[in-house]
Every structure is written in C-alpha cells, then in structure tokens.
PDB file of N, CA and C in Angstrom:
ATOM      1  N   UNK A   1      42.698 149.371  67.786  1.00  0.00           N
ATOM      2  CA  UNK A   1      42.625 150.582  66.989  1.00  0.00           C
ATOM      3  C   UNK A   1      43.610 150.117  65.475  1.00  0.00           C
ATOM      4  N   UNK A   2      44.879 149.492  65.474  1.00  0.00           N
ATOM      5  CA  UNK A   2      45.345 149.809  64.366  1.00  0.00           C
ATOM      6  C   UNK A   2      44.588 148.423  63.764  1.00  0.00           C
ATOM      7  N   UNK A   3      44.455 148.894  62.975  1.00  0.00           N
ATOM      8  CA  UNK A   3      43.618 147.362  61.423  1.00  0.00           C
ATOM      9  C   UNK A   3      45.168 146.604  60.720  1.00  0.00           C
ATOM     10  N   UNK A   4      46.055 147.099  60.391  1.00  0.00           N
ATOM     11  CA  UNK A   4      47.184 146.330  59.699  1.00  0.00           C
ATOM     12  C   UNK A   4      47.988 147.560  59.471  1.00  0.00           C
ATOM     13  N   UNK A   5      49.507 147.591  59.558  1.00  0.00           N
ATOM     14  CA  UNK A   5      50.653 147.821  59.317  1.00  0.00           C
ATOM     15  C   UNK A   5      51.143 147.220  58.075  1.00  0.00           C
ATOM     16  N   UNK A   6      51.917 148.415  56.790  1.00  0.00           N
ATOM     17  CA  UNK A   6      52.211 148.086  55.440  1.00  0.00           C
ATOM     18  C   UNK A   6      53.632 148.281  56.021  1.00  0.00           C
ATOM     19  N   UNK A   7      54.527 148.087  55.049  1.00  0.00           N
ATOM     20  CA  UNK A   7      56.004 148.168  54.841  1.00  0.00           C
ATOM     21  C   UNK A   7      56.484 148.409  53.604  1.00  0.00           C
ATOM     22  N   UNK A   8      56.937 148.681  52.798  1.00  0.00           N
ATOM     23  CA  UNK A   8      57.634 149.016  51.791  1.00  0.00           C
ATOM     24  C   UNK A   8      59.102 147.700  51.370  1.00  0.00           C
ATOM     25  N   UNK A   9      58.907 147.450  50.011  1.00  0.00           N
ATOM     26  CA  UNK A   9      59.638 146.677  50.105  1.00  0.00           C
ATOM     27  C   UNK A   9      60.336 146.606  48.436  1.00  0.00           C
ATOM     28  N   UNK A  10      61.609 146.261  48.348  1.00  0.00           N
ATOM     29  CA  UNK A  10      62.376 146.414  47.025  1.00  0.00           C
ATOM     30  C   UNK A  10      61.887 144.530  46.348  1.00  0.00           C
ATOM     31  N   UNK A  11      62.147 144.284  47.105  1.00  0.00           N
ATOM     32  CA  UNK A  11      61.751 142.806  46.359  1.00  0.00           C
ATOM     33  C   UNK A  11      60.833 142.151  47.609  1.00  0.00           C
ATOM     34  N   UNK A  12      59.466 142.000  46.687  1.00  0.00           N
ATOM     35  CA  UNK A  12      58.203 141.758  47.191  1.00  0.00           C
ATOM     36  C   UNK A  12      58.475 139.917  47.643  1.00  0.00           C
ATOM     37  N   UNK A  13      59.128 139.309  46.090  1.00  0.00           N
ATOM     38  CA  UNK A  13      59.068 137.869  46.234  1.00  0.00           C
ATOM     39  C   UNK A  13      60.046 137.388  47.799  1.00  0.00           C
ATOM     40  N   UNK A  14      61.103 137.856  47.794  1.00  0.00           N
ATOM     41  CA  UNK A  14      62.324 137.470  48.322  1.00  0.00           C
ATOM     42  C   UNK A  14      61.659 138.120  49.761  1.00  0.00           C
ATOM     43  N   UNK A  15      60.893 138.872  50.740  1.00  0.00           N
ATOM     44  CA  UNK A  15      60.479 139.192  51.784  1.00  0.00           C
ATOM     45  C   UNK A  15      59.558 138.324  51.950  1.00  0.00           C
ATOM     46  N   UNK A  16      58.703 138.505  50.369  1.00  0.00           N
ATOM     47  CA  UNK A  16      57.316 137.487  51.561  1.00  0.00           C
ATOM     48  C   UNK A  16      57.650 136.010  51.968  1.00  0.00           C
ATOM     49  N   UNK A  17      59.310 135.489  51.290  1.00  0.00           N
ATOM     50  CA  UNK A  17      59.201 134.380  51.865  1.00  0.00           C
ATOM     51  C   UNK A  17      59.403 134.054  53.293  1.00  0.00           C
ATOM     52  N   UNK A  18      60.708 135.537  53.750  1.00  0.00           N
ATOM     53  CA  UNK A  18      60.378 136.024  55.301  1.00  0.00           C
ATOM     54  C   UNK A  18      59.467 136.009  56.124  1.00  0.00           C
ATOM     55  N   UNK A  19      58.168 136.566  55.313  1.00  0.00           N
ATOM     56  CA  UNK A  19      57.014 137.090  56.598  1.00  0.00           C
ATOM     57  C   UNK A  19      56.129 135.538  56.292  1.00  0.00           C
ATOM     58  N   UNK A  20      55.847 134.865  55.504  1.00  0.00           N
ATOM     59  CA  UNK A  20      55.244 133.622  55.375  1.00  0.00           C
ATOM     60  C   UNK A  20      56.003 132.887  56.327  1.00  0.00           C
ATOM     61  N   UNK A  21      57.592 132.458  56.470  1.00  0.00           N
ATOM     62  CA  UNK A  21      57.928 131.811  57.802  1.00  0.00           C
ATOM     63  C   UNK A  21      57.433 132.744  58.940  1.00  0.00           C
ATOM     64  N   UNK A  22      57.523 133.888  59.436  1.00  0.00           N
ATOM     65  CA  UNK A  22      57.098 134.344  60.438  1.00  0.00           C
ATOM     66  C   UNK A  22      56.057 133.717  60.756  1.00  0.00           C
ATOM     67  N   UNK A  23      54.728 134.445  59.892  1.00  0.00           N
ATOM     68  CA  UNK A  23      53.360 133.951  59.818  1.00  0.00           C
ATOM     69  C   UNK A  23      53.346 133.095  60.416  1.00  0.00           C
ATOM     70  N   UNK A  24      53.899 131.816  59.704  1.00  0.00           N
ATOM     71  CA  UNK A  24      53.104 130.281  59.867  1.00  0.00           C
ATOM     72  C   UNK A  24      53.776 130.121  61.377  1.00  0.00           C
ATOM     73  N   UNK A  25      54.770 130.838  61.806  1.00  0.00           N
ATOM     74  CA  UNK A  25      55.014 130.442  63.313  1.00  0.00           C
ATOM     75  C   UNK A  25      53.944 131.049  63.981  1.00  0.00           C
ATOM     76  N   UNK A  26      53.246 132.087  64.145  1.00  0.00           N
ATOM     77  CA  UNK A  26      52.597 132.897  64.626  1.00  0.00           C
ATOM     78  C   UNK A  26      50.621 132.253  64.295  1.00  0.00           C
ATOM     79  N   UNK A  27      51.165 131.295  63.697  1.00  0.00           N
ATOM     80  CA  UNK A  27      49.935 130.700  63.023  1.00  0.00           C
ATOM     81  C   UNK A  27      48.971 131.303  62.282  1.00  0.00           C
ATOM     82  N   UNK A  28      49.263 131.986  61.048  1.00  0.00           N
ATOM     83  CA  UNK A  28      48.361 132.850  60.121  1.00  0.00           C
ATOM     84  C   UNK A  28      49.445 132.447  58.957  1.00  0.00           C
ATOM     85  N   UNK A  29      48.403 132.941  57.440  1.00  0.00           N
ATOM     86  CA  UNK A  29      48.976 132.738  56.788  1.00  0.00           C
ATOM     87  C   UNK A  29      48.635 134.112  55.601  1.00  0.00           C
ATOM     88  N   UNK A  30      48.516 134.026  54.237  1.00  0.00           N
ATOM     89  CA  UNK A  30      48.511 135.306  53.909  1.00  0.00           C
ATOM     90  C   UNK A  30      46.927 135.403  53.457  1.00  0.00           C
ATOM     91  N   UNK A  31      46.523 136.981  53.561  1.00  0.00           N
ATOM     92  CA  UNK A  31      45.371 137.160  53.441  1.00  0.00           C
ATOM     93  C   UNK A  31      44.666 137.861  52.585  1.00  0.00           C
ATOM     94  N   UNK A  32      45.814 138.441  51.717  1.00  0.00           N
ATOM     95  CA  UNK A  32      45.587 138.589  50.736  1.00  0.00           C
ATOM     96  C   UNK A  32      47.287 138.796  50.167  1.00  0.00           C
ATOM     97  N   UNK A  33      46.953 138.869  48.638  1.00  0.00           N
ATOM     98  CA  UNK A  33      48.173 138.173  47.659  1.00  0.00           C
ATOM     99  C   UNK A  33      48.041 138.984  46.339  1.00  0.00           C
ATOM    100  N   UNK A  34      48.512 140.099  45.573  1.00  0.00           N
ATOM    101  CA  UNK A  34      48.377 140.889  44.579  1.00  0.00           C
ATOM    102  C   UNK A  34      49.609 140.712  44.188  1.00  0.00           C
ATOM    103  N   UNK A  35      49.537 141.575  42.778  1.00  0.00           N
ATOM    104  CA  UNK A  35      51.419 141.640  42.278  1.00  0.00           C
ATOM    105  C   UNK A  35      52.099 142.450  42.767  1.00  0.00           C
ATOM    106  N   UNK A  36      50.898 143.648  43.762  1.00  0.00           N
ATOM    107  CA  UNK A  36      52.183 144.765  44.424  1.00  0.00           C
ATOM    108  C   UNK A  36      52.172 144.578  45.142  1.00  0.00           C
ATOM    109  N   UNK A  37      51.415 144.016  46.690  1.00  0.00           N
ATOM    110  CA  UNK A  37      51.515 143.679  47.919  1.00  0.00           C
ATOM    111  C   UNK A  37      50.920 142.476  48.452  1.00  0.00           C
ATOM    112  N   UNK A  38      51.256 141.691  49.446  1.00  0.00           N
ATOM    113  CA  UNK A  38      51.021 140.532  50.462  1.00  0.00           C
ATOM    114  C   UNK A  38      50.799 141.625  51.600  1.00  0.00           C
ATOM    115  N   UNK A  39      49.612 140.774  51.815  1.00  0.00           N
ATOM    116  CA  UNK A  39      49.007 140.634  53.880  1.00  0.00           C
ATOM    117  C   UNK A  39      48.861 139.689  54.353  1.00  0.00           C
ATOM    118  N   UNK A  40      49.522 139.187  55.696  1.00  0.00           N
ATOM    119  CA  UNK A  40      49.114 137.861  56.637  1.00  0.00           C
ATOM    120  C   UNK A  40      48.294 138.622  57.429  1.00  0.00           C
ATOM    121  N   UNK A  41      47.665 137.460  57.710  1.00  0.00           N
ATOM    122  CA  UNK A  41      46.559 137.507  59.027  1.00  0.00           C
ATOM    123  C   UNK A  41      45.471 136.890  58.560  1.00  0.00           C
ATOM    124  N   UNK A  42      44.195 137.368  59.615  1.00  0.00           N
ATOM    125  CA  UNK A  42      43.119 136.647  59.419  1.00  0.00           C
ATOM    126  C   UNK A  42      42.034 138.224  59.053  1.00  0.00           C
ATOM    127  N   UNK A  43      41.416 138.264  58.087  1.00  0.00           N
ATOM    128  CA  UNK A  43      40.562 139.238  58.218  1.00  0.00           C
ATOM    129  C   UNK A  43      39.567 139.083  59.106  1.00  0.00           C
ATOM    130  N   UNK A  44      39.179 140.054  60.017  1.00  0.00           N
ATOM    131  CA  UNK A  44      38.304 140.581  61.737  1.00  0.00           C
ATOM    132  C   UNK A  44      39.058 140.228  62.559  1.00  0.00           C
ATOM    133  N   UNK A  45      40.708 139.921  62.232  1.00  0.00           N
ATOM    134  CA  UNK A  45      41.428 139.043  63.681  1.00  0.00           C
ATOM    135  C   UNK A  45      41.836 140.250  64.313  1.00  0.00           C
ATOM    136  N   UNK A  46      43.290 140.173  64.334  1.00  0.00           N
ATOM    137  CA  UNK A  46      44.175 141.007  65.200  1.00  0.00           C
ATOM    138  C   UNK A  46      44.646 141.537  63.913  1.00  0.00           C
ATOM    139  N   UNK A  47      45.576 142.436  64.121  1.00  0.00           N
ATOM    140  CA  UNK A  47      46.118 143.674  63.042  1.00  0.00           C
ATOM    141  C   UNK A  47      47.050 142.321  62.587  1.00  0.00           C
ATOM    142  N   UNK A  48      47.103 143.337  61.213  1.00  0.00           N
ATOM    143  CA  UNK A  48      47.871 142.247  60.049  1.00  0.00           C
ATOM    144  C   UNK A  48      48.962 143.319  59.209  1.00  0.00           C
ATOM    145  N   UNK A  49      50.057 142.123  58.996  1.00  0.00           N
ATOM    146  CA  UNK A  49      51.029 142.575  58.476  1.00  0.00           C
ATOM    147  C   UNK A  49      51.025 142.297  56.811  1.00  0.00           C
ATOM    148  N   UNK A  50      51.125 143.853  56.390  1.00  0.00           N
ATOM    149  CA  UNK A  50      51.735 143.980  54.388  1.00  0.00           C
ATOM    150  C   UNK A  50      52.359 143.980  54.171  1.00  0.00           C
ATOM    151  N   UNK A  51      53.682 143.754  53.321  1.00  0.00           N
ATOM    152  CA  UNK A  51      54.579 144.734  52.608  1.00  0.00           C
ATOM    153  C   UNK A  51      54.125 145.055  50.990  1.00  0.00           C
ATOM    154  N   UNK A  52      55.120 145.688  50.617  1.00  0.00           N
ATOM    155  CA  UNK A  52      54.128 146.575  49.012  1.00  0.00           C
ATOM    156  C   UNK A  52      55.243 147.092  48.768  1.00  0.00           C
ATOM    157  N   UNK A  53      54.841 147.457  47.708  1.00  0.00           N
ATOM    158  CA  UNK A  53      56.339 148.506  46.628  1.00  0.00           C
ATOM    159  C   UNK A  53      55.528 149.511  46.538  1.00  0.00           C
ATOM    160  N   UNK A  54      56.485 150.354  46.767  1.00  0.00           N
ATOM    161  CA  UNK A  54      55.241 151.519  47.039  1.00  0.00           C
ATOM    162  C   UNK A  54      54.643 152.459  45.933  1.00  0.00           C
ATOM    163  N   UNK A  55      53.411 153.127  46.019  1.00  0.00           N
ATOM    164  CA  UNK A  55      52.247 153.162  45.244  1.00  0.00           C
ATOM    165  C   UNK A  55      52.871 154.204  44.426  1.00  0.00           C
ATOM    166  N   UNK A  56      53.912 155.574  44.889  1.00  0.00           N
ATOM    167  CA  UNK A  56      54.448 156.310  44.046  1.00  0.00           C
ATOM    168  C   UNK A  56      55.275 155.723  42.818  1.00  0.00           C
ATOM    169  N   UNK A  57      55.797 154.875  43.228  1.00  0.00           N
ATOM    170  CA  UNK A  57      56.571 153.989  42.487  1.00  0.00           C
ATOM    171  C   UNK A  57      58.340 154.506  42.374  1.00  0.00           C
ATOM    172  N   UNK A  58      58.316 155.149  43.763  1.00  0.00           N
ATOM    173  CA  UNK A  58      59.677 155.754  44.091  1.00  0.00           C
ATOM    174  C   UNK A  58      60.474 154.440  45.263  1.00  0.00           C
ATOM    175  N   UNK A  59      61.810 154.057  45.301  1.00  0.00           N
ATOM    176  CA  UNK A  59      62.194 153.209  46.032  1.00  0.00           C
ATOM    177  C   UNK A  59      61.578 152.971  47.649  1.00  0.00           C
ATOM    178  N   UNK A  60      61.313 152.210  48.556  1.00  0.00           N
ATOM    179  CA  UNK A  60      60.918 152.383  49.762  1.00  0.00           C
ATOM    180  C   UNK A  60      62.179 152.491  50.607  1.00  0.00           C
ATOM    181  N   UNK A  61      61.421 152.973  51.801  1.00  0.00           N
ATOM    182  CA  UNK A  61      62.468 153.353  52.918  1.00  0.00           C
ATOM    183  C   UNK A  61      62.084 153.057  53.723  1.00  0.00           C
ATOM    184  N   UNK A  62      63.349 152.582  55.131  1.00  0.00           N
ATOM    185  CA  UNK A  62      62.782 152.479  56.213  1.00  0.00           C
ATOM    186  C   UNK A  62      62.667 153.713  57.287  1.00  0.00           C
ATOM    187  N   UNK A  63      62.011 154.184  57.973  1.00  0.00           N
ATOM    188  CA  UNK A  63      61.832 154.851  58.790  1.00  0.00           C
ATOM    189  C   UNK A  63      62.553 155.112  60.328  1.00  0.00           C
ATOM    190  N   UNK A  64      63.129 156.269  60.895  1.00  0.00           N
ATOM    191  CA  UNK A  64      63.812 155.869  61.619  1.00  0.00           C
ATOM    192  C   UNK A  64      63.018 156.308  63.073  1.00  0.00           C
ATOM    193  N   UNK A  65      63.250 155.406  63.902  1.00  0.00           N
ATOM    194  CA  UNK A  65      62.481 155.093  64.933  1.00  0.00           C
ATOM    195  C   UNK A  65      60.793 154.180  64.483  1.00  0.00           C
ATOM    196  N   UNK A  66      60.977 153.809  63.533  1.00  0.00           N
ATOM    197  CA  UNK A  66      59.563 152.862  63.248  1.00  0.00           C
ATOM    198  C   UNK A  66      59.885 151.240  63.592  1.00  0.00           C
ATOM    199  N   UNK A  67      58.825 150.683  63.626  1.00  0.00           N
ATOM    200  CA  UNK A  67      59.167 149.331  64.550  1.00  0.00           C
ATOM    201  C   UNK A  67      57.735 148.894  64.258  1.00  0.00           C
ATOM    202  N   UNK A  68      57.466 147.472  63.857  1.00  0.00           N
ATOM    203  CA  UNK A  68      56.336 147.204  64.008  1.00  0.00           C
ATOM    204  C   UNK A  68      56.551 145.900  65.490  1.00  0.00           C
ATOM    205  N   UNK A  69      55.957 145.440  66.124  1.00  0.00           N
ATOM    206  CA  UNK A  69      55.974 144.188  67.122  1.00  0.00           C
ATOM    207  C   UNK A  69      54.944 143.602  66.995  1.00  0.00           C
ATOM    208  N   UNK A  70      54.985 142.125  66.934  1.00  0.00           N
ATOM    209  CA  UNK A  70      54.500 141.483  66.927  1.00  0.00           C
ATOM    210  C   UNK A  70      54.180 140.657  68.057  1.00  0.00           C
ATOM    211  N   UNK A  71      52.866 140.516  69.142  1.00  0.00           N
ATOM    212  CA  UNK A  71      52.989 139.823  70.232  1.00  0.00           C
ATOM    213  C   UNK A  71      52.827 138.296  69.975  1.00  0.00           C
ATOM    214  N   UNK A  72      54.128 137.687  70.358  1.00  0.00           N
ATOM    215  CA  UNK A  72      53.935 136.121  70.816  1.00  0.00           C
ATOM    216  C   UNK A  72      53.484 135.722  71.864  1.00  0.00           C
ATOM    217  N   UNK A  73      53.554 133.874  71.624  1.00  0.00           N
ATOM    218  CA  UNK A  73      53.205 133.659  72.434  1.00  0.00           C
ATOM    219  C   UNK A  73      52.745 133.674  74.087  1.00  0.00           C
ATOM    220  N   UNK A  74      54.642 133.676  74.076  1.00  0.00           N
ATOM    221  CA  UNK A  74      55.984 133.334  75.005  1.00  0.00           C
ATOM    222  C   UNK A  74      57.182 133.682  74.630  1.00  0.00           C
ATOM    223  N   UNK A  75      57.873 133.670  75.667  1.00  0.00           N
ATOM    224  CA  UNK A  75      58.663 133.064  75.290  1.00  0.00           C
ATOM    225  C   UNK A  75      59.706 132.437  74.084  1.00  0.00           C
ATOM    226  N   UNK A  76      59.681 131.410  74.341  1.00  0.00           N
ATOM    227  CA  UNK A  76      59.694 130.012  73.369  1.00  0.00           C
ATOM    228  C   UNK A  76      59.505 130.459  71.936  1.00  0.00           C
ATOM    229  N   UNK A  77      58.327 130.948  72.073  1.00  0.00           N
ATOM    230  CA  UNK A  77      57.933 131.703  70.534  1.00  0.00           C
ATOM    231  C   UNK A  77      58.411 133.155  69.962  1.00  0.00           C
ATOM    232  N   UNK A  78      59.032 133.586  71.100  1.00  0.00           N
ATOM    233  CA  UNK A  78      59.971 134.872  70.385  1.00  0.00           C
ATOM    234  C   UNK A  78      61.296 134.379  69.961  1.00  0.00           C
ATOM    235  N   UNK A  79      62.077 133.326  71.022  1.00  0.00           N
ATOM    236  CA  UNK A  79      63.191 132.360  70.271  1.00  0.00           C
ATOM    237  C   UNK A  79      62.988 132.420  68.890  1.00  0.00           C
ATOM    238  N   UNK A  80      62.066 130.882  69.223  1.00  0.00           N
ATOM    239  CA  UNK A  80      61.711 130.772  67.278  1.00  0.00           C
ATOM    240  C   UNK A  80      61.632 131.572  65.614  1.00  0.00           C
ATOM    241  N   UNK A  81      60.615 132.629  66.798  1.00  0.00           N
ATOM    242  CA  UNK A  81      60.646 133.978  66.055  1.00  0.00           C
ATOM    243  C   UNK A  81      61.908 134.461  65.289  1.00  0.00           C
ATOM    244  N   UNK A  82      62.814 134.799  66.312  1.00  0.00           N
ATOM    245  CA  UNK A  82      64.142 135.569  65.874  1.00  0.00           C
ATOM    246  C   UNK A  82      64.920 134.791  65.423  1.00  0.00           C
ATOM    247  N   UNK A  83      64.860 133.219  65.716  1.00  0.00           N
ATOM    248  CA  UNK A  83      65.672 132.541  65.032  1.00  0.00           C
ATOM    249  C   UNK A  83      65.196 132.082  62.881  1.00  0.00           C
ATOM    250  N   UNK A  84      63.264 132.191  63.242  1.00  0.00           N
ATOM    251  CA  UNK A  84      63.202 131.890  61.762  1.00  0.00           C
ATOM    252  C   UNK A  84      63.645 133.284  61.019  1.00  0.00           C
ATOM    253  N   UNK A  85      63.504 134.685  61.170  1.00  0.00           N
ATOM    254  CA  UNK A  85      63.992 135.534  61.021  1.00  0.00           C
ATOM    255  C   UNK A  85      65.286 135.705  60.452  1.00  0.00           C
ATOM    256  N   UNK A  86      66.646 135.499  61.177  1.00  0.00           N
ATOM    257  CA  UNK A  86      67.500 134.956  60.706  1.00  0.00           C
ATOM    258  C   UNK A  86      67.776 134.193  59.962  1.00  0.00           C
ATOM    259  N   UNK A  87      67.163 133.144  59.865  1.00  0.00           N
ATOM    260  CA  UNK A  87      66.846 132.050  59.158  1.00  0.00           C
ATOM    261  C   UNK A  87      66.479 132.181  57.774  1.00  0.00           C
ATOM    262  N   UNK A  88      65.532 133.399  57.767  1.00  0.00           N
ATOM    263  CA  UNK A  88      65.288 134.142  56.238  1.00  0.00           C
ATOM    264  C   UNK A  88      65.543 134.987  56.072  1.00  0.00           C
ATOM    265  N   UNK A  89      67.176 135.135  56.332  1.00  0.00           N
ATOM    266  CA  UNK A  89      68.372 136.511  55.333  1.00  0.00           C
ATOM    267  C   UNK A  89      67.971 137.456  56.946  1.00  0.00           C
ATOM    268  N   UNK A  90      66.794 137.621  57.198  1.00  0.00           N
ATOM    269  CA  UNK A  90      67.144 139.409  58.267  1.00  0.00           C
ATOM    270  C   UNK A  90      67.936 138.963  59.001  1.00  0.00           C
ATOM    271  N   UNK A  91      68.112 140.528  59.612  1.00  0.00           N
ATOM    272  CA  UNK A  91      69.626 141.050  60.235  1.00  0.00           C
ATOM    273  C   UNK A  91      69.046 141.098  62.082  1.00  0.00           C
ATOM    274  N   UNK A  92      70.052 140.664  63.078  1.00  0.00           N
ATOM    275  CA  UNK A  92      69.720 140.499  64.821  1.00  0.00           C
ATOM    276  C   UNK A  92      69.712 142.183  64.680  1.00  0.00           C
ATOM    277  N   UNK A  93      68.644 142.613  65.512  1.00  0.00           N
ATOM    278  CA  UNK A  93      69.202 144.097  66.383  1.00  0.00           C
ATOM    279  C   UNK A  93      68.503 143.975  67.645  1.00  0.00           C
ATOM    280  N   UNK A  94      68.706 143.012  68.455  1.00  0.00           N
ATOM    281  CA  UNK A  94      68.855 142.510  69.583  1.00  0.00           C
ATOM    282  C   UNK A  94      68.589 141.179  69.588  1.00  0.00           C
ATOM    283  N   UNK A  95      69.014 140.522  70.740  1.00  0.00           N
ATOM    284  CA  UNK A  95      68.943 138.739  70.667  1.00  0.00           C
ATOM    285  C   UNK A  95      67.488 138.838  71.448  1.00  0.00           C
ATOM    286  N   UNK A  96      66.901 137.643  71.459  1.00  0.00           N
ATOM    287  CA  UNK A  96      65.802 137.273  72.650  1.00  0.00           C
ATOM    288  C   UNK A  96      66.398 137.349  74.332  1.00  0.00           C
ATOM    289  N   UNK A  97      65.351 137.855  74.806  1.00  0.00           N
ATOM    290  CA  UNK A  97      65.753 138.156  76.339  1.00  0.00           C
ATOM    291  C   UNK A  97      64.616 139.203  77.142  1.00  0.00           C
ATOM    292  N   UNK A  98      64.661 139.076  78.498  1.00  0.00           N
ATOM    293  CA  UNK A  98      64.459 139.834  79.232  1.00  0.00           C
ATOM    294  C   UNK A  98      65.070 141.746  79.298  1.00  0.00           C
ATOM    295  N   UNK A  99      63.981 142.244  78.906  1.00  0.00           N
ATOM    296  CA  UNK A  99      64.052 143.889  78.884  1.00  0.00           C
ATOM    297  C   UNK A  99      63.712 144.588  80.554  1.00  0.00           C
ATOM    298  N   UNK A 100      63.349 143.575  81.287  1.00  0.00           N
ATOM    299  CA  UNK A 100      63.026 144.537  82.247  1.00  0.00           C
ATOM    300  C   UNK A 100      61.094 144.494  82.361  1.00  0.00           C
ATOM    301  N   UNK A 101      60.768 144.542  84.026  1.00  0.00           N
ATOM    302  CA  UNK A 101      59.795 144.759  83.845  1.00  0.00           C
ATOM    303  C   UNK A 101      58.271 143.619  83.527  1.00  0.00           C
ATOM    304  N   UNK A 102      59.022 142.637  83.359  1.00  0.00           N
ATOM    305  CA  UNK A 102      58.317 141.138  82.616  1.00  0.00           C
ATOM    306  C   UNK A 102      58.412 140.938  80.921  1.00  0.00           C
ATOM    307  N   UNK A 103      58.501 142.385  80.186  1.00  0.00           N
ATOM    308  CA  UNK A 103      58.527 142.540  78.693  1.00  0.00           C
ATOM    309  C   UNK A 103      60.205 141.674  78.353  1.00  0.00           C
ATOM    310  N   UNK A 104      59.323 140.559  78.058  1.00  0.00           N
ATOM    311  CA  UNK A 104      60.756 139.873  76.678  1.00  0.00           C
ATOM    312  C   UNK A 104      59.961 140.107  74.702  1.00  0.00           C
ATOM    313  N   UNK A 105      61.089 140.482  74.991  1.00  0.00           N
ATOM    314  CA  UNK A 105      61.406 140.746  73.218  1.00  0.00           C
ATOM    315  C   UNK A 105      62.494 140.391  72.305  1.00  0.00           C
ATOM    316  N   UNK A 106      62.484 140.385  71.487  1.00  0.00           N
ATOM    317  CA  UNK A 106      63.715 140.063  70.510  1.00  0.00           C
ATOM    318  C   UNK A 106      63.551 141.276  69.445  1.00  0.00           C
ATOM    319  N   UNK A 107      64.910 141.520  69.220  1.00  0.00           N
ATOM    320  CA  UNK A 107      64.699 142.821  67.412  1.00  0.00           C
ATOM    321  C   UNK A 107      65.384 141.735  66.443  1.00  0.00           C
ATOM    322  N   UNK A 108      64.635 142.395  65.229  1.00  0.00           N
ATOM    323  CA  UNK A 108      65.491 142.197  63.550  1.00  0.00           C
ATOM    324  C   UNK A 108      65.011 142.436  62.963  1.00  0.00           C
ATOM    325  N   UNK A 109      65.312 142.638  61.795  1.00  0.00           N
ATOM    326  CA  UNK A 109      64.761 143.327  60.226  1.00  0.00           C
ATOM    327  C   UNK A 109      64.953 142.392  59.238  1.00  0.00           C
ATOM    328  N   UNK A 110      64.045 142.927  58.373  1.00  0.00           N
ATOM    329  CA  UNK A 110      63.652 142.512  57.226  1.00  0.00           C
ATOM    330  C   UNK A 110      64.623 142.192  56.436  1.00  0.00           C
ATOM    331  N   UNK A 111      64.377 141.752  55.021  1.00  0.00           N
ATOM    332  CA  UNK A 111      65.537 141.920  54.131  1.00  0.00           C
ATOM    333  C   UNK A 111      65.628 143.135  53.652  1.00  0.00           C
ATOM    334  N   UNK A 112      64.454 143.858  53.320  1.00  0.00           N
ATOM    335  CA  UNK A 112      64.801 145.444  52.905  1.00  0.00           C
ATOM    336  C   UNK A 112      64.681 146.490  54.574  1.00  0.00           C
ATOM    337  N   UNK A 113      65.596 145.691  55.689  1.00  0.00           N
ATOM    338  CA  UNK A 113      65.918 146.572  56.518  1.00  0.00           C
ATOM    339  C   UNK A 113      64.388 147.123  57.825  1.00  0.00           C
ATOM    340  N   UNK A 114      63.483 147.097  57.233  1.00  0.00           N
ATOM    341  CA  UNK A 114      62.497 147.292  58.000  1.00  0.00           C
ATOM    342  C   UNK A 114      62.571 146.333  59.446  1.00  0.00           C
ATOM    343  N   UNK A 115      62.243 147.276  60.511  1.00  0.00           N
ATOM    344  CA  UNK A 115      62.000 146.793  61.919  1.00  0.00           C
ATOM    345  C   UNK A 115      61.599 145.923  62.456  1.00  0.00           C
ATOM    346  N   UNK A 116      61.285 144.319  63.272  1.00  0.00           N
ATOM    347  CA  UNK A 116      60.484 144.141  63.868  1.00  0.00           C
ATOM    348  C   UNK A 116      60.892 143.582  65.156  1.00  0.00           C
ATOM    349  N   UNK A 117      59.934 143.733  66.262  1.00  0.00           N
ATOM    350  CA  UNK A 117      60.262 142.478  66.830  1.00  0.00           C
ATOM    351  C   UNK A 117      59.135 141.979  67.828  1.00  0.00           C
ATOM    352  N   UNK A 118      59.392 141.171  68.189  1.00  0.00           N
ATOM    353  CA  UNK A 118      58.416 139.955  68.737  1.00  0.00           C
ATOM    354  C   UNK A 118      58.245 139.947  70.052  1.00  0.00           C
ATOM    355  N   UNK A 119      57.847 140.499  70.903  1.00  0.00           N
ATOM    356  CA  UNK A 119      57.475 140.397  72.072  1.00  0.00           C
ATOM    357  C   UNK A 119      56.396 139.580  73.342  1.00  0.00           C
ATOM    358  N   UNK A 120      56.580 139.466  74.575  1.00  0.00           N
ATOM    359  CA  UNK A 120      55.324 138.596  75.344  1.00  0.00           C
ATOM    360  C   UNK A 120      55.519 139.609  76.918  1.00  0.00           C
ATOM    361  N   UNK A 121      54.699 139.977  77.427  1.00  0.00           N
ATOM    362  CA  UNK A 121      54.585 139.834  78.999  1.00  0.00           C
ATOM    363  C   UNK A 121      54.837 138.792  79.833  1.00  0.00           C
ATOM    364  N   UNK A 122      55.566 138.658  80.328  1.00  0.00           N
ATOM    365  CA  UNK A 122      55.794 137.281  81.560  1.00  0.00           C
ATOM    366  C   UNK A 122      55.610 138.556  83.001  1.00  0.00           C
ATOM    367  N   UNK A 123      55.277 137.019  83.516  1.00  0.00           N
ATOM    368  CA  UNK A 123      55.252 137.221  84.626  1.00  0.00           C
ATOM    369  C   UNK A 123      55.986 136.989  86.122  1.00  0.00           C
ATOM    370  N   UNK A 124      56.483 138.370  86.609  1.00  0.00           N
ATOM    371  CA  UNK A 124      57.776 138.164  87.469  1.00  0.00           C
ATOM    372  C   UNK A 124      58.109 137.318  88.121  1.00  0.00           C
ATOM    373  N   UNK A 125      59.361 136.410  88.371  1.00  0.00           N
ATOM    374  CA  UNK A 125      59.421 135.505  88.943  1.00  0.00           C
ATOM    375  C   UNK A 125      59.496 136.160  90.387  1.00  0.00           C
TER     376      UNK A 125
END
C-alpha cells in the first residue's frame, strides 16, 4: 500500500550522504535525484525513501510519533545499519536488540532529526 515515504531536510547534500550509506547497505541506490529531492529504492519494487526541501519553502520539521521503518534481512544487517547511521552523523534512539515476540530492531535519527528504525522478525529460540 505504501509507495514511498518522504522526509523533509534542511541539508539535502549532507543528509544525502547519510541515506546513500543506508541505501548501499540495503542493496539499493538513488532512483531519483533532483535539485530539491532525492529518492532511494528501485522503481516498481518495495517502497522507497526520499528526502526533500519542503515545497512551501518553510523549514522542515520532524513529526512527534512519526517514524520510518526499514525492513532488514536479519539482525546482522540491523547491527550494521545502526552503526552506519551513527558513523554518518545520525543519533541513537535505541541500540540494536530483541524487542520481544521475535521483533529485532534498532532506532536512530538522521541529520535533521527524522526518526527511523531497522527491523526484522526472527524465529523465537
């Protein structure tokens, strides 16, 4: 049902490096690259993520309770994605780990403060 998610940015070039690194780990690249926005993913595939300078010209803001969840291949990739996010200047919102019920996740914010998580479902031991 979701085609893509767009997040506002104050720093398109700076946050582009953040998302380039995350996308590379997830096996995708830029699918659109314009002066005011960049989108990552594959056309016609799973939902993508885009960052944009707001169309109305106002400063972007993060939504309280808003988060983008990135489906990872497994716990090892989640650990890597969390590390990559922090290496790229993101901030930690929850270290990688089991959250119960087979839900393994890590939480982080991009350079503008947009909240993301990487998650997977794992079989209970």
